N, C-alpha and C. Protein backbone atom coordinates (compact mmCIF):
# COMPACT_ATOMS: atom_id res chain seq x y z
N MET A 1 0.83 -1.20 0.00
CA MET A 1 0.00 0.00 0.00
C MET A 1 0.87 1.26 0.00
N PHE A 2 1.94 1.22 0.82
CA PHE A 2 2.82 2.38 0.89
C PHE A 2 3.50 2.64 -0.44
N PHE A 3 3.94 1.57 -1.12
CA PHE A 3 4.62 1.73 -2.41
C PHE A 3 3.68 2.34 -3.44
N PHE A 4 2.40 1.90 -3.42
CA PHE A 4 1.41 2.46 -4.35
C PHE A 4 1.25 3.96 -4.12
N ALA A 5 1.14 4.36 -2.85
CA ALA A 5 0.97 5.78 -2.53
C ALA A 5 2.20 6.57 -2.96
N LEU A 6 3.39 6.00 -2.77
CA LEU A 6 4.62 6.68 -3.17
C LEU A 6 4.69 6.82 -4.69
N ALA A 7 4.35 5.76 -5.41
CA ALA A 7 4.35 5.80 -6.87
C ALA A 7 3.30 6.79 -7.38
N PHE A 8 2.16 6.84 -6.71
CA PHE A 8 1.10 7.76 -7.10
C PHE A 8 1.57 9.21 -6.96
N ARG A 9 2.26 9.51 -5.86
CA ARG A 9 2.77 10.86 -5.63
C ARG A 9 3.78 11.25 -6.69
N ILE A 10 4.67 10.35 -7.01
CA ILE A 10 5.70 10.62 -8.00
C ILE A 10 5.06 10.88 -9.36
N SER A 11 4.03 10.09 -9.71
CA SER A 11 3.39 10.26 -11.01
C SER A 11 2.68 11.61 -11.10
N LEU A 12 2.14 12.11 -9.98
CA LEU A 12 1.49 13.42 -10.01
C LEU A 12 2.50 14.53 -10.23
N LYS A 13 3.70 14.39 -9.69
CA LYS A 13 4.70 15.44 -9.85
C LYS A 13 5.25 15.47 -11.26
N LYS A 14 5.18 14.35 -11.99
CA LYS A 14 5.70 14.30 -13.34
C LYS A 14 4.75 14.89 -14.37
N ILE A 15 3.48 15.09 -14.00
CA ILE A 15 2.52 15.65 -14.93
C ILE A 15 2.89 17.11 -15.17
N ASN A 16 2.83 17.52 -16.42
CA ASN A 16 3.24 18.86 -16.87
C ASN A 16 2.99 19.93 -15.82
N LYS A 17 4.05 20.36 -15.17
CA LYS A 17 3.91 21.34 -14.11
C LYS A 17 3.46 22.70 -14.63
N MET A 18 3.92 23.08 -15.81
CA MET A 18 3.64 24.41 -16.29
C MET A 18 2.41 24.49 -17.22
N SER A 19 1.82 23.36 -17.52
CA SER A 19 0.69 23.41 -18.44
C SER A 19 -0.56 23.95 -17.73
N ARG A 20 -1.42 24.58 -18.50
CA ARG A 20 -2.65 25.14 -17.94
C ARG A 20 -3.78 24.16 -18.21
N VAL A 21 -3.74 23.02 -17.54
CA VAL A 21 -4.73 21.96 -17.70
C VAL A 21 -5.17 21.50 -16.32
N CYS A 22 -6.47 21.36 -16.13
CA CYS A 22 -7.01 20.82 -14.88
C CYS A 22 -6.69 19.33 -14.82
N GLN A 23 -6.15 18.87 -13.70
CA GLN A 23 -5.76 17.47 -13.57
C GLN A 23 -6.95 16.56 -13.32
N LEU A 24 -8.11 17.10 -12.97
CA LEU A 24 -9.27 16.26 -12.70
C LEU A 24 -10.31 16.28 -13.81
N THR A 25 -10.47 17.41 -14.48
CA THR A 25 -11.49 17.50 -15.52
C THR A 25 -10.91 17.58 -16.93
N GLY A 26 -9.62 17.89 -17.04
CA GLY A 26 -8.99 18.00 -18.35
C GLY A 26 -9.26 19.32 -19.05
N LYS A 27 -9.85 20.29 -18.34
CA LYS A 27 -10.10 21.60 -18.96
C LYS A 27 -8.77 22.24 -19.31
N SER A 28 -8.71 22.84 -20.50
CA SER A 28 -7.47 23.46 -20.93
C SER A 28 -7.77 24.77 -21.65
N VAL A 29 -6.73 25.38 -22.19
CA VAL A 29 -6.84 26.67 -22.87
C VAL A 29 -7.69 26.51 -24.13
N MET A 30 -8.57 27.49 -24.37
CA MET A 30 -9.37 27.53 -25.59
C MET A 30 -8.91 28.71 -26.43
N VAL A 31 -9.11 28.63 -27.72
CA VAL A 31 -8.70 29.70 -28.63
C VAL A 31 -9.94 30.36 -29.20
N GLY A 32 -9.90 31.69 -29.28
CA GLY A 32 -11.02 32.44 -29.85
C GLY A 32 -10.54 33.74 -30.45
N ASN A 33 -11.43 34.69 -30.57
CA ASN A 33 -11.12 35.96 -31.17
C ASN A 33 -11.47 37.12 -30.25
N ASN A 34 -10.61 38.16 -30.26
CA ASN A 34 -11.00 39.47 -29.76
C ASN A 34 -11.73 40.15 -30.91
N VAL A 35 -12.90 40.66 -30.64
CA VAL A 35 -13.67 41.33 -31.69
C VAL A 35 -13.81 42.81 -31.31
N SER A 36 -13.27 43.68 -32.14
CA SER A 36 -13.31 45.12 -31.87
C SER A 36 -14.66 45.69 -32.29
N HIS A 37 -14.84 46.97 -32.00
CA HIS A 37 -16.08 47.65 -32.37
C HIS A 37 -16.27 47.67 -33.89
N SER A 38 -15.16 47.73 -34.62
CA SER A 38 -15.26 47.73 -36.09
C SER A 38 -15.29 46.30 -36.65
N ASN A 39 -15.43 45.32 -35.77
CA ASN A 39 -15.57 43.91 -36.11
C ASN A 39 -14.28 43.28 -36.65
N ARG A 40 -13.13 43.87 -36.33
CA ARG A 40 -11.85 43.21 -36.64
C ARG A 40 -11.64 42.09 -35.65
N LYS A 41 -11.06 41.01 -36.11
CA LYS A 41 -10.86 39.86 -35.25
C LYS A 41 -9.38 39.53 -35.13
N THR A 42 -8.90 39.43 -33.90
CA THR A 42 -7.53 39.01 -33.63
C THR A 42 -7.59 37.84 -32.66
N LYS A 43 -6.66 36.90 -32.84
CA LYS A 43 -6.67 35.68 -32.02
C LYS A 43 -6.35 35.99 -30.56
N ARG A 44 -6.96 35.21 -29.67
CA ARG A 44 -6.70 35.32 -28.24
C ARG A 44 -6.89 33.96 -27.60
N LYS A 45 -6.52 33.85 -26.34
CA LYS A 45 -6.68 32.60 -25.60
C LYS A 45 -7.61 32.82 -24.41
N PHE A 46 -8.43 31.83 -24.14
CA PHE A 46 -9.27 31.82 -22.95
C PHE A 46 -8.66 30.80 -21.99
N TYR A 47 -8.16 31.28 -20.84
CA TYR A 47 -7.50 30.41 -19.88
C TYR A 47 -8.50 29.86 -18.87
N PRO A 48 -8.36 28.60 -18.45
CA PRO A 48 -9.23 28.08 -17.40
C PRO A 48 -8.85 28.69 -16.05
N ASN A 49 -9.81 28.77 -15.17
CA ASN A 49 -9.58 29.34 -13.83
C ASN A 49 -8.99 28.24 -12.95
N LEU A 50 -7.66 28.16 -12.90
CA LEU A 50 -6.97 27.08 -12.18
C LEU A 50 -6.43 27.55 -10.84
N ILE A 51 -6.46 26.64 -9.87
CA ILE A 51 -5.86 26.87 -8.57
C ILE A 51 -5.04 25.64 -8.20
N THR A 52 -4.04 25.83 -7.35
CA THR A 52 -3.27 24.71 -6.81
C THR A 52 -3.77 24.47 -5.41
N LYS A 53 -4.20 23.24 -5.14
CA LYS A 53 -4.84 22.92 -3.86
C LYS A 53 -4.31 21.61 -3.34
N LYS A 54 -4.15 21.51 -2.03
CA LYS A 54 -3.69 20.29 -1.39
C LYS A 54 -4.90 19.58 -0.76
N PHE A 55 -5.02 18.29 -1.03
CA PHE A 55 -6.13 17.49 -0.52
C PHE A 55 -5.60 16.35 0.34
N TYR A 56 -6.38 15.96 1.34
CA TYR A 56 -6.05 14.81 2.18
C TYR A 56 -6.82 13.60 1.69
N LEU A 57 -6.10 12.51 1.45
CA LEU A 57 -6.73 11.26 1.03
C LEU A 57 -6.74 10.30 2.21
N PRO A 58 -7.90 10.08 2.82
CA PRO A 58 -7.95 9.22 4.01
C PRO A 58 -7.60 7.76 3.72
N GLU A 59 -7.90 7.26 2.51
CA GLU A 59 -7.60 5.87 2.18
C GLU A 59 -6.10 5.61 2.18
N GLU A 60 -5.34 6.60 1.68
CA GLU A 60 -3.89 6.44 1.60
C GLU A 60 -3.18 7.12 2.76
N ASP A 61 -3.92 7.84 3.59
CA ASP A 61 -3.39 8.57 4.73
C ASP A 61 -2.25 9.50 4.30
N SER A 62 -2.49 10.26 3.23
CA SER A 62 -1.48 11.17 2.72
C SER A 62 -2.15 12.37 2.07
N TYR A 63 -1.33 13.38 1.79
CA TYR A 63 -1.80 14.57 1.11
C TYR A 63 -1.34 14.52 -0.35
N VAL A 64 -2.15 15.13 -1.22
CA VAL A 64 -1.78 15.22 -2.63
C VAL A 64 -2.10 16.63 -3.10
N THR A 65 -1.17 17.21 -3.87
CA THR A 65 -1.36 18.56 -4.40
C THR A 65 -1.77 18.46 -5.86
N LEU A 66 -2.89 19.10 -6.19
CA LEU A 66 -3.43 19.05 -7.54
C LEU A 66 -3.63 20.46 -8.08
N LYS A 67 -3.49 20.59 -9.39
CA LYS A 67 -3.81 21.84 -10.09
C LYS A 67 -5.17 21.62 -10.73
N ILE A 68 -6.21 22.26 -10.17
CA ILE A 68 -7.57 21.99 -10.60
C ILE A 68 -8.29 23.29 -10.94
N SER A 69 -9.36 23.14 -11.72
CA SER A 69 -10.21 24.29 -12.03
C SER A 69 -11.17 24.51 -10.87
N THR A 70 -11.72 25.71 -10.79
CA THR A 70 -12.64 26.01 -9.71
C THR A 70 -13.94 25.22 -9.85
N SER A 71 -14.32 24.87 -11.07
CA SER A 71 -15.50 24.02 -11.24
C SER A 71 -15.23 22.61 -10.71
N ALA A 72 -13.99 22.14 -10.85
CA ALA A 72 -13.63 20.83 -10.28
C ALA A 72 -13.66 20.89 -8.76
N LEU A 73 -13.31 22.03 -8.18
CA LEU A 73 -13.38 22.19 -6.73
C LEU A 73 -14.81 22.08 -6.24
N ARG A 74 -15.73 22.63 -7.01
CA ARG A 74 -17.15 22.52 -6.64
C ARG A 74 -17.62 21.07 -6.75
N THR A 75 -17.12 20.36 -7.76
CA THR A 75 -17.47 18.95 -7.91
C THR A 75 -16.92 18.13 -6.75
N ILE A 76 -15.71 18.46 -6.29
CA ILE A 76 -15.13 17.77 -5.14
C ILE A 76 -15.96 18.02 -3.90
N ASN A 77 -16.44 19.24 -3.72
CA ASN A 77 -17.30 19.54 -2.57
C ASN A 77 -18.59 18.75 -2.62
N LYS A 78 -19.07 18.47 -3.82
CA LYS A 78 -20.32 17.75 -3.99
C LYS A 78 -20.15 16.24 -3.84
N LYS A 79 -19.15 15.66 -4.55
CA LYS A 79 -19.00 14.21 -4.61
C LYS A 79 -17.96 13.65 -3.65
N GLY A 80 -16.95 14.44 -3.32
CA GLY A 80 -15.85 13.96 -2.50
C GLY A 80 -14.62 13.72 -3.34
N ILE A 81 -13.44 13.91 -2.73
CA ILE A 81 -12.18 13.81 -3.47
C ILE A 81 -11.93 12.40 -3.97
N THR A 82 -12.32 11.39 -3.20
CA THR A 82 -12.05 10.00 -3.60
C THR A 82 -12.79 9.65 -4.88
N GLU A 83 -14.06 9.99 -4.95
CA GLU A 83 -14.88 9.68 -6.12
C GLU A 83 -14.40 10.44 -7.36
N VAL A 84 -14.06 11.70 -7.18
CA VAL A 84 -13.62 12.52 -8.31
C VAL A 84 -12.28 12.03 -8.86
N MET A 85 -11.36 11.65 -7.97
CA MET A 85 -10.07 11.13 -8.43
C MET A 85 -10.23 9.79 -9.13
N LYS A 86 -11.17 8.98 -8.66
CA LYS A 86 -11.44 7.70 -9.32
C LYS A 86 -11.95 7.93 -10.74
N GLU A 87 -12.87 8.88 -10.92
CA GLU A 87 -13.39 9.19 -12.25
C GLU A 87 -12.30 9.77 -13.15
N ALA A 88 -11.42 10.61 -12.60
CA ALA A 88 -10.33 11.20 -13.39
C ALA A 88 -9.36 10.13 -13.87
N ARG A 89 -9.10 9.12 -13.04
CA ARG A 89 -8.23 8.02 -13.46
C ARG A 89 -8.88 7.21 -14.58
N GLU A 90 -10.18 6.98 -14.48
CA GLU A 90 -10.90 6.21 -15.50
C GLU A 90 -10.89 6.94 -16.84
N LYS A 91 -11.01 8.27 -16.81
CA LYS A 91 -11.03 9.05 -18.03
C LYS A 91 -9.63 9.32 -18.58
N GLY A 92 -8.61 9.05 -17.78
CA GLY A 92 -7.23 9.21 -18.24
C GLY A 92 -6.61 10.58 -17.96
N TYR A 93 -7.28 11.43 -17.18
CA TYR A 93 -6.72 12.72 -16.85
C TYR A 93 -5.66 12.62 -15.76
N LEU A 94 -5.80 11.60 -14.94
CA LEU A 94 -4.91 11.39 -13.80
C LEU A 94 -4.35 9.98 -13.88
N LYS A 95 -3.05 9.85 -13.62
CA LYS A 95 -2.44 8.52 -13.71
C LYS A 95 -2.31 7.87 -12.37
């Protein structure tokens, strides 16, 4: 059990530290246009609202730090961190 928790922690640290992607929902940067009053269009990026948060996992008796969107934080408040992390692993967002 301890080895699994250690391997899990290491795998979280290897996930792109600088990328702007939610580790639980997979939300990432979107591309769109700035539209001026004269209707000129220039490219822009829409960034997800990301925060870095530390969570306690009672099953593993350890803490894990995740980069998540604020909508994922609301989902964690609703479902619980264990259920949300299980779904993220199934979808492939979390290893």
